[in-house]
PDB file of N, CA and C in Angstrom:
ATOM      1  N   MET A   1      80.309 249.538 165.249  1.00  0.00           N
ATOM      2  CA  MET A   1      79.536 248.613 164.440  1.00  0.00           C
ATOM      3  C   MET A   1      78.742 247.687 165.368  1.00  0.00           C
ATOM      4  N   LYS A   2      77.497 247.463 165.070  1.00  0.00           N
ATOM      5  CA  LYS A   2      76.650 246.599 165.890  1.00  0.00           C
ATOM      6  C   LYS A   2      77.039 245.140 165.703  1.00  0.00           C
ATOM      7  N   ASN A   3      76.691 244.317 166.715  1.00  0.00           N
ATOM      8  CA  ASN A   3      77.014 242.886 166.649  1.00  0.00           C
ATOM      9  C   ASN A   3      76.401 242.220 165.433  1.00  0.00           C
ATOM     10  N   ALA A   4      75.161 242.577 165.123  1.00  0.00           N
ATOM     11  CA  ALA A   4      74.480 241.947 163.993  1.00  0.00           C
ATOM     12  C   ALA A   4      75.177 242.266 162.676  1.00  0.00           C
ATOM     13  N   GLU A   5      75.839 243.420 162.612  1.00  0.00           N
ATOM     14  CA  GLU A   5      76.527 243.796 161.382  1.00  0.00           C
ATOM     15  C   GLU A   5      77.853 243.065 161.220  1.00  0.00           C
ATOM     16  N   ARG A   6      78.386 242.512 162.333  1.00  0.00           N
ATOM     17  CA  ARG A   6      79.663 241.814 162.280  1.00  0.00           C
ATOM     18  C   ARG A   6      79.525 240.346 161.887  1.00  0.00           C
ATOM     19  N   ILE A   7      78.319 239.869 161.714  1.00  0.00           N
ATOM     20  CA  ILE A   7      78.108 238.472 161.351  1.00  0.00           C
ATOM     21  C   ILE A   7      78.685 238.223 159.966  1.00  0.00           C
ATOM     22  N   VAL A   8      79.496 237.197 159.878  1.00  0.00           N
ATOM     23  CA  VAL A   8      80.096 236.855 158.590  1.00  0.00           C
ATOM     24  C   VAL A   8      79.060 236.123 157.763  1.00  0.00           C
ATOM     25  N   ILE A   9      78.858 236.584 156.559  1.00  0.00           N
ATOM     26  CA  ILE A   9      77.913 235.928 155.664  1.00  0.00           C
ATOM     27  C   ILE A   9      78.709 235.211 154.590  1.00  0.00           C
ATOM     28  N   TYR A  10      78.417 233.931 154.418  1.00  0.00           N
ATOM     29  CA  TYR A  10      79.130 233.086 153.482  1.00  0.00           C
ATOM     30  C   TYR A  10      78.199 232.753 152.331  1.00  0.00           C
ATOM     31  N   ASN A  11      78.561 233.142 151.133  1.00  0.00           N
ATOM     32  CA  ASN A  11      77.721 232.906 149.955  1.00  0.00           C
ATOM     33  C   ASN A  11      76.291 233.389 150.186  1.00  0.00           C
ATOM     34  N   ASN A  12      76.172 234.601 150.699  1.00  0.00           N
ATOM     35  CA  ASN A  12      74.867 235.218 150.964  1.00  0.00           C
ATOM     36  C   ASN A  12      74.028 234.457 151.981  1.00  0.00           C
ATOM     37  N   MET A  13      74.675 233.755 152.917  1.00  0.00           N
ATOM     38  CA  MET A  13      73.919 233.082 153.969  1.00  0.00           C
ATOM     39  C   MET A  13      74.651 233.219 155.296  1.00  0.00           C
ATOM     40  N   LEU A  14      73.933 233.034 156.369  1.00  0.00           N
ATOM     41  CA  LEU A  14      74.531 233.126 157.691  1.00  0.00           C
ATOM     42  C   LEU A  14      75.503 231.977 157.908  1.00  0.00           C
ATOM     43  N   ASN A  15      76.549 232.247 158.644  1.00  0.00           N
ATOM     44  CA  ASN A  15      77.581 231.258 158.898  1.00  0.00           C
ATOM     45  C   ASN A  15      77.491 230.805 160.353  1.00  0.00           C
ATOM     46  N   TYR A  16      77.328 229.514 160.580  1.00  0.00           N
ATOM     47  CA  TYR A  16      77.203 228.970 161.930  1.00  0.00           C
ATOM     48  C   TYR A  16      78.430 229.282 162.775  1.00  0.00           C
ATOM     49  N   ASP A  17      79.613 229.198 162.198  1.00  0.00           N
ATOM     50  CA  ASP A  17      80.838 229.435 162.959  1.00  0.00           C
ATOM     51  C   ASP A  17      80.886 230.844 163.536  1.00  0.00           C
ATOM     52  N   SER A  18      80.405 231.817 162.809  1.00  0.00           N
ATOM     53  CA  SER A  18      80.416 233.184 163.334  1.00  0.00           C
ATOM     54  C   SER A  18      79.260 233.433 164.297  1.00  0.00           C
ATOM     55  N   LEU A  19      78.132 232.791 164.069  1.00  0.00           N
ATOM     56  CA  LEU A  19      76.977 233.006 164.936  1.00  0.00           C
ATOM     57  C   LEU A  19      77.127 232.350 166.300  1.00  0.00           C
ATOM     58  N   GLN A  20      77.775 231.198 166.371  1.00  0.00           N
ATOM     59  CA  GLN A  20      77.837 230.468 167.636  1.00  0.00           C
ATOM     60  C   GLN A  20      78.598 231.224 168.719  1.00  0.00           C
ATOM     61  N   ASN A  21      79.403 232.194 168.340  1.00  0.00           N
ATOM     62  CA  ASN A  21      80.163 232.967 169.317  1.00  0.00           C
ATOM     63  C   ASN A  21      79.368 234.122 169.905  1.00  0.00           C
ATOM     64  N   ASN A  22      78.195 234.391 169.376  1.00  0.00           N
ATOM     65  CA  ASN A  22      77.362 235.480 169.875  1.00  0.00           C
ATOM     66  C   ASN A  22      75.978 234.920 170.204  1.00  0.00           C
ATOM     67  N   GLU A  23      75.791 234.571 171.468  1.00  0.00           N
ATOM     68  CA  GLU A  23      74.560 233.906 171.918  1.00  0.00           C
ATOM     69  C   GLU A  23      73.304 234.733 171.631  1.00  0.00           C
ATOM     70  N   THR A  24      73.383 236.042 171.826  1.00  0.00           N
ATOM     71  CA  THR A  24      72.217 236.904 171.627  1.00  0.00           C
ATOM     72  C   THR A  24      71.774 236.925 170.171  1.00  0.00           C
ATOM     73  N   VAL A  25      72.713 237.096 169.273  1.00  0.00           N
ATOM     74  CA  VAL A  25      72.384 237.122 167.848  1.00  0.00           C
ATOM     75  C   VAL A  25      71.917 235.743 167.400  1.00  0.00           C
ATOM     76  N   PHE A  26      72.576 234.692 167.888  1.00  0.00           N
ATOM     77  CA  PHE A  26      72.187 233.325 167.534  1.00  0.00           C
ATOM     78  C   PHE A  26      70.740 233.069 167.938  1.00  0.00           C
ATOM     79  N   LEU A  27      70.396 233.476 169.154  1.00  0.00           N
ATOM     80  CA  LEU A  27      69.034 233.294 169.645  1.00  0.00           C
ATOM     81  C   LEU A  27      68.033 234.087 168.814  1.00  0.00           C
ATOM     82  N   SER A  28      68.390 235.296 168.418  1.00  0.00           N
ATOM     83  CA  SER A  28      67.461 236.102 167.623  1.00  0.00           C
ATOM     84  C   SER A  28      67.288 235.562 166.207  1.00  0.00           C
ATOM     85  N   VAL A  29      68.291 234.892 165.684  1.00  0.00           N
ATOM     86  CA  VAL A  29      68.207 234.338 164.327  1.00  0.00           C
ATOM     87  C   VAL A  29      67.449 233.017 164.312  1.00  0.00           C
ATOM     88  N   THR A  30      67.668 232.166 165.334  1.00  0.00           N
ATOM     89  CA  THR A  30      67.139 230.801 165.298  1.00  0.00           C
ATOM     90  C   THR A  30      66.048 230.495 166.311  1.00  0.00           C
ATOM     91  N   SER A  31      65.900 231.318 167.339  1.00  0.00           N
ATOM     92  CA  SER A  31      64.978 231.079 168.463  1.00  0.00           C
ATOM     93  C   SER A  31      65.430 229.946 169.371  1.00  0.00           C
ATOM     94  N   VAL A  32      66.647 229.474 169.239  1.00  0.00           N
ATOM     95  CA  VAL A  32      67.213 228.480 170.153  1.00  0.00           C
ATOM     96  C   VAL A  32      68.601 228.955 170.573  1.00  0.00           C
ATOM     97  N   THR A  33      69.053 228.467 171.733  1.00  0.00           N
ATOM     98  CA  THR A  33      70.406 228.794 172.182  1.00  0.00           C
ATOM     99  C   THR A  33      71.405 227.917 171.436  1.00  0.00           C
ATOM    100  N   VAL A  34      72.684 228.233 171.589  1.00  0.00           N
ATOM    101  CA  VAL A  34      73.725 227.436 170.931  1.00  0.00           C
ATOM    102  C   VAL A  34      73.701 226.008 171.470  1.00  0.00           C
ATOM    103  N   PHE A  35      73.516 225.849 172.789  1.00  0.00           N
ATOM    104  CA  PHE A  35      73.445 224.508 173.371  1.00  0.00           C
ATOM    105  C   PHE A  35      72.260 223.727 172.808  1.00  0.00           C
ATOM    106  N   GLU A  36      71.089 224.357 172.741  1.00  0.00           N
ATOM    107  CA  GLU A  36      69.907 223.693 172.184  1.00  0.00           C
ATOM    108  C   GLU A  36      70.133 223.330 170.721  1.00  0.00           C
ATOM    109  N   PHE A  37      70.819 224.204 169.997  1.00  0.00           N
ATOM    110  CA  PHE A  37      71.138 223.929 168.598  1.00  0.00           C
ATOM    111  C   PHE A  37      72.012 222.683 168.488  1.00  0.00           C
ATOM    112  N   GLN A  38      73.009 222.567 169.358  1.00  0.00           N
ATOM    113  CA  GLN A  38      73.904 221.417 169.316  1.00  0.00           C
ATOM    114  C   GLN A  38      73.173 220.123 169.650  1.00  0.00           C
ATOM    115  N   VAL A  39      72.217 220.194 170.565  1.00  0.00           N
ATOM    116  CA  VAL A  39      71.394 219.016 170.870  1.00  0.00           C
ATOM    117  C   VAL A  39      70.527 218.660 169.665  1.00  0.00           C
ATOM    118  N   LEU A  40      69.907 219.667 169.060  1.00  0.00           N
ATOM    119  CA  LEU A  40      69.103 219.438 167.855  1.00  0.00           C
ATOM    120  C   LEU A  40      69.947 218.891 166.714  1.00  0.00           C
ATOM    121  N   LEU A  41      71.186 219.352 166.635  1.00  0.00           N
ATOM    122  CA  LEU A  41      72.075 218.926 165.559  1.00  0.00           C
ATOM    123  C   LEU A  41      72.341 217.427 165.618  1.00  0.00           C
ATOM    124  N   ILE A  42      72.454 216.875 166.817  1.00  0.00           N
ATOM    125  CA  ILE A  42      72.671 215.429 166.968  1.00  0.00           C
ATOM    126  C   ILE A  42      71.479 214.661 166.400  1.00  0.00           C
ATOM    127  N   ALA A  43      70.277 215.064 166.794  1.00  0.00           N
ATOM    128  CA  ALA A  43      69.068 214.400 166.285  1.00  0.00           C
ATOM    129  C   ALA A  43      68.900 214.641 164.789  1.00  0.00           C
ATOM    130  N   PHE A  44      69.213 215.842 164.332  1.00  0.00           N
ATOM    131  CA  PHE A  44      69.101 216.176 162.911  1.00  0.00           C
ATOM    132  C   PHE A  44      70.063 215.326 162.085  1.00  0.00           C
ATOM    133  N   ALA A  45      71.287 215.146 162.579  1.00  0.00           N
ATOM    134  CA  ALA A  45      72.281 214.341 161.860  1.00  0.00           C
ATOM    135  C   ALA A  45      71.820 212.893 161.740  1.00  0.00           C
ATOM    136  N   GLN A  46      71.255 212.361 162.813  1.00  0.00           N
ATOM    137  CA  GLN A  46      70.749 210.982 162.767  1.00  0.00           C
ATOM    138  C   GLN A  46      69.598 210.857 161.776  1.00  0.00           C
ATOM    139  N   ALA A  47      68.664 211.787 161.826  1.00  0.00           N
ATOM    140  CA  ALA A  47      67.523 211.750 160.903  1.00  0.00           C
ATOM    141  C   ALA A  47      67.982 211.937 159.467  1.00  0.00           C
ATOM    142  N   PHE A  48      68.955 212.795 159.256  1.00  0.00           N
ATOM    143  CA  PHE A  48      69.476 213.044 157.913  1.00  0.00           C
ATOM    144  C   PHE A  48      70.125 211.784 157.349  1.00  0.00           C
ATOM    145  N   GLU A  49      70.917 211.103 158.167  1.00  0.00           N
ATOM    146  CA  GLU A  49      71.576 209.870 157.727  1.00  0.00           C
ATOM    147  C   GLU A  49      70.565 208.759 157.441  1.00  0.00           C
ATOM    148  N   GLU A  50      69.529 208.672 158.267  1.00  0.00           N
ATOM    149  CA  GLU A  50      68.517 207.630 158.084  1.00  0.00           C
ATOM    150  C   GLU A  50      67.708 207.824 156.808  1.00  0.00           C
ATOM    151  N   THR A  51      67.541 209.065 156.394  1.00  0.00           N
ATOM    152  CA  THR A  51      66.696 209.338 155.228  1.00  0.00           C
ATOM    153  C   THR A  51      67.485 209.672 153.970  1.00  0.00           C
ATOM    154  N   ALA A  52      68.798 209.720 154.044  1.00  0.00           N
ATOM    155  CA  ALA A  52      69.616 210.138 152.893  1.00  0.00           C
ATOM    156  C   ALA A  52      69.526 209.167 151.720  1.00  0.00           C
ATOM    157  N   HIS A  53      69.228 207.911 151.984  1.00  0.00           N
ATOM    158  CA  HIS A  53      69.194 206.919 150.907  1.00  0.00           C
ATOM    159  C   HIS A  53      67.825 206.826 150.225  1.00  0.00           C
ATOM    160  N   ARG A  54      66.855 207.611 150.676  1.00  0.00           N
ATOM    161  CA  ARG A  54      65.514 207.601 150.085  1.00  0.00           C
ATOM    162  C   ARG A  54      65.174 208.992 149.546  1.00  0.00           C
ATOM    163  N   THR A  55      64.307 209.038 148.552  1.00  0.00           N
ATOM    164  CA  THR A  55      63.851 210.317 148.014  1.00  0.00           C
ATOM    165  C   THR A  55      62.671 210.821 148.838  1.00  0.00           C
ATOM    166  N   VAL A  56      62.162 211.979 148.480  1.00  0.00           N
ATOM    167  CA  VAL A  56      61.018 212.554 149.180  1.00  0.00           C
ATOM    168  C   VAL A  56      59.804 211.641 149.061  1.00  0.00           C
ATOM    169  N   THR A  57      59.685 210.953 147.934  1.00  0.00           N
ATOM    170  CA  THR A  57      58.562 210.036 147.726  1.00  0.00           C
ATOM    171  C   THR A  57      58.860 208.638 148.252  1.00  0.00           C
ATOM    172  N   ASN A  58      59.921 208.505 149.065  1.00  0.00           N
ATOM    173  CA  ASN A  58      60.322 207.262 149.720  1.00  0.00           C
ATOM    174  C   ASN A  58      60.770 206.183 148.738  1.00  0.00           C
ATOM    175  N   GLU A  59      61.341 206.595 147.634  1.00  0.00           N
ATOM    176  CA  GLU A  59      61.892 205.651 146.668  1.00  0.00           C
ATOM    177  C   GLU A  59      63.403 205.602 146.830  1.00  0.00           C
ATOM    178  N   ALA A  60      64.009 204.519 146.370  1.00  0.00           N
ATOM    179  CA  ALA A  60      65.463 204.408 146.442  1.00  0.00           C
ATOM    180  C   ALA A  60      66.108 205.422 145.502  1.00  0.00           C
ATOM    181  N   ARG A  61      67.222 205.973 145.916  1.00  0.00           N
ATOM    182  CA  ARG A  61      67.937 206.953 145.086  1.00  0.00           C
ATOM    183  C   ARG A  61      68.666 206.261 143.948  1.00  0.00           C
ATOM    184  N   TRP A  62      68.830 206.963 142.840  1.00  0.00           N
ATOM    185  CA  TRP A  62      69.566 206.430 141.697  1.00  0.00           C
ATOM    186  C   TRP A  62      71.057 206.398 141.986  1.00  0.00           C
ATOM    187  N   ARG A  63      71.538 207.459 142.638  1.00  0.00           N
ATOM    188  CA  ARG A  63      72.969 207.561 142.912  1.00  0.00           C
ATOM    189  C   ARG A  63      73.240 207.267 144.378  1.00  0.00           C
ATOM    190  N   LYS A  64      74.459 206.850 144.662  1.00  0.00           N
ATOM    191  CA  LYS A  64      74.853 206.637 146.047  1.00  0.00           C
ATOM    192  C   LYS A  64      75.057 207.983 146.726  1.00  0.00           C
ATOM    193  N   LYS A  65      75.157 207.947 148.039  1.00  0.00           N
ATOM    194  CA  LYS A  65      75.381 209.162 148.810  1.00  0.00           C
ATOM    195  C   LYS A  65      76.647 209.857 148.308  1.00  0.00           C
ATOM    196  N   GLY A  66      76.532 211.151 148.071  1.00  0.00           N
ATOM    197  CA  GLY A  66      77.667 211.921 147.565  1.00  0.00           C
ATOM    198  C   GLY A  66      77.669 212.075 146.060  1.00  0.00           C
ATOM    199  N   GLY A  67      76.839 211.300 145.363  1.00  0.00           N
ATOM    200  CA  GLY A  67      76.760 211.414 143.913  1.00  0.00           C
ATOM    201  C   GLY A  67      75.821 212.526 143.507  1.00  0.00           C
ATOM    202  N   GLY A  68      75.946 212.980 142.296  1.00  0.00           N
ATOM    203  CA  GLY A  68      75.059 214.029 141.800  1.00  0.00           C
ATOM    204  C   GLY A  68      75.553 215.417 142.147  1.00  0.00           C
ATOM    205  N   GLN A  69      74.705 216.383 141.940  1.00  0.00           N
ATOM    206  CA  GLN A  69      75.066 217.777 142.171  1.00  0.00           C
ATOM    207  C   GLN A  69      75.222 218.048 143.667  1.00  0.00           C
ATOM    208  N   LEU A  70      76.225 218.826 144.026  1.00  0.00           N
ATOM    209  CA  LEU A  70      76.440 219.192 145.419  1.00  0.00           C
ATOM    210  C   LEU A  70      75.426 220.247 145.839  1.00  0.00           C
ATOM    211  N   GLY A  71      74.997 220.153 147.078  1.00  0.00           N
ATOM    212  CA  GLY A  71      74.062 221.133 147.602  1.00  0.00           C
ATOM    213  C   GLY A  71      74.740 222.460 147.887  1.00  0.00           C
ATOM    214  N   LYS A  72      73.954 223.488 148.045  1.00  0.00           N
ATOM    215  CA  LYS A  72      74.488 224.823 148.320  1.00  0.00           C
ATOM    216  C   LYS A  72      74.928 224.980 149.770  1.00  0.00           C
ATOM    217  N   LEU A  73      74.333 224.217 150.676  1.00  0.00           N
ATOM    218  CA  LEU A  73      74.695 224.307 152.086  1.00  0.00           C
ATOM    219  C   LEU A  73      75.797 223.289 152.374  1.00  0.00           C
ATOM    220  N   PRO A  74      76.960 223.744 152.854  1.00  0.00           N
ATOM    221  CA  PRO A  74      78.142 222.891 152.903  1.00  0.00           C
ATOM    222  C   PRO A  74      78.131 221.782 153.945  1.00  0.00           C
ATOM    223  N   ASN A  75      77.384 221.929 155.041  1.00  0.00           N
ATOM    224  CA  ASN A  75      77.419 220.912 156.098  1.00  0.00           C
ATOM    225  C   ASN A  75      76.086 220.879 156.836  1.00  0.00           C
ATOM    226  N   LEU A  76      75.971 219.952 157.788  1.00  0.00           N
ATOM    227  CA  LEU A  76      74.715 219.802 158.517  1.00  0.00           C
ATOM    228  C   LEU A  76      74.402 221.019 159.383  1.00  0.00           C
ATOM    229  N   GLU A  77      75.434 221.666 159.931  1.00  0.00           N
ATOM    230  CA  GLU A  77      75.200 222.870 160.731  1.00  0.00           C
ATOM    231  C   GLU A  77      74.522 223.948 159.889  1.00  0.00           C
ATOM    232  N   ALA A  78      74.999 224.121 158.673  1.00  0.00           N
ATOM    233  CA  ALA A  78      74.417 225.133 157.783  1.00  0.00           C
ATOM    234  C   ALA A  78      72.986 224.763 157.403  1.00  0.00           C
ATOM    235  N   LYS A  79      72.742 223.477 157.181  1.00  0.00           N
ATOM    236  CA  LYS A  79      71.391 223.031 156.824  1.00  0.00           C
ATOM    237  C   LYS A  79      70.408 223.300 157.964  1.00  0.00           C
ATOM    238  N   LEU A  80      70.800 222.913 159.184  1.00  0.00           N
ATOM    239  CA  LEU A  80      69.919 223.116 160.333  1.00  0.00           C
ATOM    240  C   LEU A  80      69.744 224.599 160.636  1.00  0.00           C
ATOM    241  N   LEU A  81      70.803 225.369 160.519  1.00  0.00           N
ATOM    242  CA  LEU A  81      70.712 226.814 160.736  1.00  0.00           C
ATOM    243  C   LEU A  81      69.735 227.442 159.744  1.00  0.00           C
ATOM    244  N   PHE A  82      69.807 227.023 158.496  1.00  0.00           N
ATOM    245  CA  PHE A  82      68.883 227.537 157.485  1.00  0.00           C
ATOM    246  C   PHE A  82      67.442 227.180 157.837  1.00  0.00           C
ATOM    247  N   ILE A  83      67.211 225.931 158.213  1.00  0.00           N
ATOM    248  CA  ILE A  83      65.850 225.487 158.534  1.00  0.00           C
ATOM    249  C   ILE A  83      65.285 226.286 159.703  1.00  0.00           C
ATOM    250  N   LEU A  84      66.064 226.411 160.780  1.00  0.00           N
ATOM    251  CA  LEU A  84      65.573 227.118 161.962  1.00  0.00           C
ATOM    252  C   LEU A  84      65.346 228.603 161.694  1.00  0.00           C
ATOM    253  N   SER A  85      66.257 229.221 160.970  1.00  0.00           N
ATOM    254  CA  SER A  85      66.079 230.648 160.686  1.00  0.00           C
ATOM    255  C   SER A  85      64.914 230.865 159.721  1.00  0.00           C
ATOM    256  N   TYR A  86      64.710 229.953 158.786  1.00  0.00           N
ATOM    257  CA  TYR A  86      63.592 230.073 157.853  1.00  0.00           C
ATOM    258  C   TYR A  86      62.259 229.945 158.590  1.00  0.00           C
ATOM    259  N   ILE A  87      62.172 228.949 159.470  1.00  0.00           N
ATOM    260  CA  ILE A  87      60.933 228.749 160.224  1.00  0.00           C
ATOM    261  C   ILE A  87      60.637 229.959 161.103  1.00  0.00           C
ATOM    262  N   LYS A  88      61.684 230.527 161.698  1.00  0.00           N
ATOM    263  CA  LYS A  88      61.486 231.689 162.568  1.00  0.00           C
ATOM    264  C   LYS A  88      61.066 232.914 161.770  1.00  0.00           C
ATOM    265  N   ASN A  89      61.683 233.136 160.644  1.00  0.00           N
ATOM    266  CA  ASN A  89      61.444 234.364 159.899  1.00  0.00           C
ATOM    267  C   ASN A  89      60.294 234.283 158.901  1.00  0.00           C
ATOM    268  N   TYR A  90      59.891 233.090 158.518  1.00  0.00           N
ATOM    269  CA  TYR A  90      58.802 232.925 157.552  1.00  0.00           C
ATOM    270  C   TYR A  90      57.782 231.909 158.062  1.00  0.00           C
ATOM    271  N   PRO A  91      57.091 232.210 159.146  1.00  0.00           N
ATOM    272  CA  PRO A  91      56.136 231.251 159.717  1.00  0.00           C
ATOM    273  C   PRO A  91      54.795 231.288 158.989  1.00  0.00           C
ATOM    274  N   LEU A  92      54.816 230.989 157.713  1.00  0.00           N
ATOM    275  CA  LEU A  92      53.618 231.159 156.885  1.00  0.00           C
ATOM    276  C   LEU A  92      52.450 230.305 157.343  1.00  0.00           C
ATOM    277  N   SER A  93      52.709 229.064 157.727  1.00  0.00           N
ATOM    278  CA  SER A  93      51.588 228.218 158.122  1.00  0.00           C
ATOM    279  C   SER A  93      50.940 228.748 159.389  1.00  0.00           C
ATOM    280  N   ASN A  94      51.743 229.208 160.341  1.00  0.00           N
ATOM    281  CA  ASN A  94      51.169 229.777 161.555  1.00  0.00           C
ATOM    282  C   ASN A  94      50.439 231.075 161.254  1.00  0.00           C
ATOM    283  N   LEU A  95      51.041 231.913 160.420  1.00  0.00           N
ATOM    284  CA  LEU A  95      50.402 233.179 160.077  1.00  0.00           C
ATOM    285  C   LEU A  95      49.091 232.960 159.337  1.00  0.00           C
ATOM    286  N   SER A  96      49.058 231.981 158.459  1.00  0.00           N
ATOM    287  CA  SER A  96      47.827 231.758 157.708  1.00  0.00           C
ATOM    288  C   SER A  96      46.712 231.280 158.628  1.00  0.00           C
ATOM    289  N   ARG A  97      47.047 230.442 159.622  1.00  0.00           N
ATOM    290  CA  ARG A  97      46.030 230.000 160.575  1.00  0.00           C
ATOM    291  C   ARG A  97      45.531 231.170 161.416  1.00  0.00           C
ATOM    292  N   ILE A  98      46.452 232.034 161.832  1.00  0.00           N
ATOM    293  CA  ILE A  98      46.059 233.195 162.625  1.00  0.00           C
ATOM    294  C   ILE A  98      45.192 234.124 161.795  1.00  0.00           C
ATOM    295  N   THR A  99      45.556 234.323 160.547  1.00  0.00           N
ATOM    296  CA  THR A  99      44.784 235.200 159.672  1.00  0.00           C
ATOM    297  C   THR A  99      43.370 234.669 159.492  1.00  0.00           C
ATOM    298  N   VAL A 100      43.227 233.372 159.299  1.00  0.00           N
ATOM    299  CA  VAL A 100      41.898 232.773 159.151  1.00  0.00           C
ATOM    300  C   VAL A 100      41.091 232.983 160.423  1.00  0.00           C
ATOM    301  N   TRP A 101      41.741 232.782 161.575  1.00  0.00           N
ATOM    302  CA  TRP A 101      41.059 232.952 162.849  1.00  0.00           C
ATOM    303  C   TRP A 101      40.618 234.397 163.036  1.00  0.00           C
ATOM    304  N   VAL A 102      41.515 235.348 162.762  1.00  0.00           N
ATOM    305  CA  VAL A 102      41.186 236.768 162.916  1.00  0.00           C
ATOM    306  C   VAL A 102      40.060 237.156 161.969  1.00  0.00           C
ATOM    307  N   GLU A 103      40.125 236.695 160.735  1.00  0.00           N
ATOM    308  CA  GLU A 103      39.065 237.024 159.773  1.00  0.00           C
ATOM    309  C   GLU A 103      37.725 236.447 160.210  1.00  0.00           C
ATOM    310  N   SER A 104      37.714 235.235 160.759  1.00  0.00           N
ATOM    311  CA  SER A 104      36.449 234.645 161.200  1.00  0.00           C
ATOM    312  C   SER A 104      35.881 235.415 162.385  1.00  0.00           C
ATOM    313  N   ILE A 105      36.755 235.849 163.288  1.00  0.00           N
ATOM    314  CA  ILE A 105      36.296 236.654 164.423  1.00  0.00           C
ATOM    315  C   ILE A 105      35.760 237.997 163.925  1.00  0.00           C
ATOM    316  N   LYS A 106      36.500 238.604 163.009  1.00  0.00           N
ATOM    317  CA  LYS A 106      36.111 239.924 162.491  1.00  0.00           C
ATOM    318  C   LYS A 106      34.761 239.848 161.785  1.00  0.00           C
ATOM    319  N   ASP A 107      34.548 238.764 161.048  1.00  0.00           N
ATOM    320  CA  ASP A 107      33.283 238.617 160.331  1.00  0.00           C
ATOM    321  C   ASP A 107      32.107 238.426 161.282  1.00  0.00           C
ATOM    322  N   GLN A 108      32.372 237.857 162.464  1.00  0.00           N
ATOM    323  CA  GLN A 108      31.297 237.598 163.413  1.00  0.00           C
ATOM    324  C   GLN A 108      30.794 238.872 164.081  1.00  0.00           C
ATOM    325  N   PHE A 109      31.638 239.867 164.147  1.00  0.00           N
ATOM    326  CA  PHE A 109      31.282 241.071 164.889  1.00  0.00           C
ATOM    327  C   PHE A 109      31.026 242.240 163.957  1.00  0.00           C
ATOM    328  N   THR A 110      30.078 243.019 164.345  1.00  0.00           N
ATOM    329  CA  THR A 110      29.833 244.280 163.648  1.00  0.00           C
ATOM    330  C   THR A 110      30.239 245.404 164.588  1.00  0.00           C
ATOM    331  N   ASP A 111      30.208 246.615 164.104  1.00  0.00           N
ATOM    332  CA  ASP A 111      30.616 247.753 164.927  1.00  0.00           C
ATOM    333  C   ASP A 111      29.679 247.985 166.107  1.00  0.00           C
ATOM    334  N   SER A 112      28.472 247.491 166.047  1.00  0.00           N
ATOM    335  CA  SER A 112      27.503 247.749 167.111  1.00  0.00           C
ATOM    336  C   SER A 112      27.727 246.876 168.350  1.00  0.00           C
ATOM    337  N   ARG A 113      28.491 245.805 168.227  1.00  0.00           N
ATOM    338  CA  ARG A 113      28.719 244.930 169.379  1.00  0.00           C
ATOM    339  C   ARG A 113      29.693 245.569 170.357  1.00  0.00           C
ATOM    340  N   THR A 114      29.530 245.226 171.605  1.00  0.00           N
ATOM    341  CA  THR A 114      30.404 245.789 172.630  1.00  0.00           C
ATOM    342  C   THR A 114      31.622 244.903 172.833  1.00  0.00           C
ATOM    343  N   VAL A 115      32.605 245.445 173.520  1.00  0.00           N
ATOM    344  CA  VAL A 115      33.821 244.690 173.821  1.00  0.00           C
ATOM    345  C   VAL A 115      33.498 243.499 174.711  1.00  0.00           C
ATOM    346  N   ALA A 116      32.567 243.673 175.650  1.00  0.00           N
ATOM    347  CA  ALA A 116      32.200 242.581 176.553  1.00  0.00           C
ATOM    348  C   ALA A 116      31.614 241.405 175.773  1.00  0.00           C
ATOM    349  N   GLU A 117      30.781 241.695 174.790  1.00  0.00           N
ATOM    350  CA  GLU A 117      30.217 240.626 173.969  1.00  0.00           C
ATOM    351  C   GLU A 117      31.311 239.925 173.170  1.00  0.00           C
ATOM    352  N   ALA A 118      32.258 240.687 172.673  1.00  0.00           N
ATOM    353  CA  ALA A 118      33.365 240.109 171.913  1.00  0.00           C
ATOM    354  C   ALA A 118      34.212 239.202 172.793  1.00  0.00           C
ATOM    355  N   GLU A 119      34.536 239.674 174.013  1.00  0.00           N
ATOM    356  CA  GLU A 119      35.327 238.857 174.931  1.00  0.00           C
ATOM    357  C   GLU A 119      34.594 237.576 175.301  1.00  0.00           C
ATOM    358  N   LYS A 120      33.291 237.667 175.514  1.00  0.00           N
ATOM    359  CA  LYS A 120      32.495 236.488 175.852  1.00  0.00           C
ATOM    360  C   LYS A 120      32.520 235.482 174.703  1.00  0.00           C
ATOM    361  N   SER A 121      32.403 235.956 173.491  1.00  0.00           N
ATOM    362  CA  SER A 121      32.435 235.082 172.325  1.00  0.00           C
ATOM    363  C   SER A 121      33.796 234.410 172.177  1.00  0.00           C
ATOM    364  N   VAL A 122      34.871 235.178 172.420  1.00  0.00           N
ATOM    365  CA  VAL A 122      36.215 234.599 172.326  1.00  0.00           C
ATOM    366  C   VAL A 122      36.405 233.532 173.392  1.00  0.00           C
ATOM    367  N   ARG A 123      35.932 233.794 174.622  1.00  0.00           N
ATOM    368  CA  ARG A 123      36.032 232.790 175.684  1.00  0.00           C
ATOM    369  C   ARG A 123      35.269 231.523 175.303  1.00  0.00           C
ATOM    370  N   ASN A 124      34.086 231.666 174.740  1.00  0.00           N
ATOM    371  CA  ASN A 124      33.304 230.506 174.314  1.00  0.00           C
ATOM    372  C   ASN A 124      34.017 229.741 173.210  1.00  0.00           C
ATOM    373  N   THR A 125      34.652 230.463 172.301  1.00  0.00           N
ATOM    374  CA  THR A 125      35.404 229.824 171.220  1.00  0.00           C
ATOM    375  C   THR A 125      36.563 229.018 171.785  1.00  0.00           C
ATOM    376  N   ARG A 126      37.263 229.571 172.777  1.00  0.00           N
ATOM    377  CA  ARG A 126      38.385 228.858 173.399  1.00  0.00           C
ATOM    378  C   ARG A 126      37.909 227.602 174.105  1.00  0.00           C
ATOM    379  N   LEU A 127      36.757 227.684 174.786  1.00  0.00           N
ATOM    380  CA  LEU A 127      36.232 226.526 175.498  1.00  0.00           C
ATOM    381  C   LEU A 127      35.841 225.410 174.539  1.00  0.00           C
ATOM    382  N   GLN A 128      35.355 225.771 173.362  1.00  0.00           N
ATOM    383  CA  GLN A 128      34.954 224.769 172.379  1.00  0.00           C
ATOM    384  C   GLN A 128      36.159 224.098 171.746  1.00  0.00           C
ATOM    385  N   ALA A 129      37.271 224.795 171.656  1.00  0.00           N
ATOM    386  CA  ALA A 129      38.487 224.258 171.032  1.00  0.00           C
ATOM    387  C   ALA A 129      39.220 223.369 171.954  1.00  0.00           C
TER     388      ALA A 129
END
């Protein structure tokens, strides 16, 4: 059985406790090492605590911390793991920018242009940016 197949999935999600023991799989899932994750977790925990008493629109919450419906992710490790794996696997904002760039380049060139002209145009575009 491959290492990736041995990952324990908890409630249809990756489990930090099982991933942290396999550095290669952890890196492929999150794009960070376990040590980097632990450093990020400290900053994430501080930011989470600082913002827990406010809503997304920066208003005071109706209920105190711990009140209301429980979240699906059981702890901060699971929350950060979800965020990092989501960003790695679904980079929509980056992909959309790349797609716009590729489409603009494609529209500028016709089949009659040479590769040298295309490279020159790309270099000029980079210099302008």
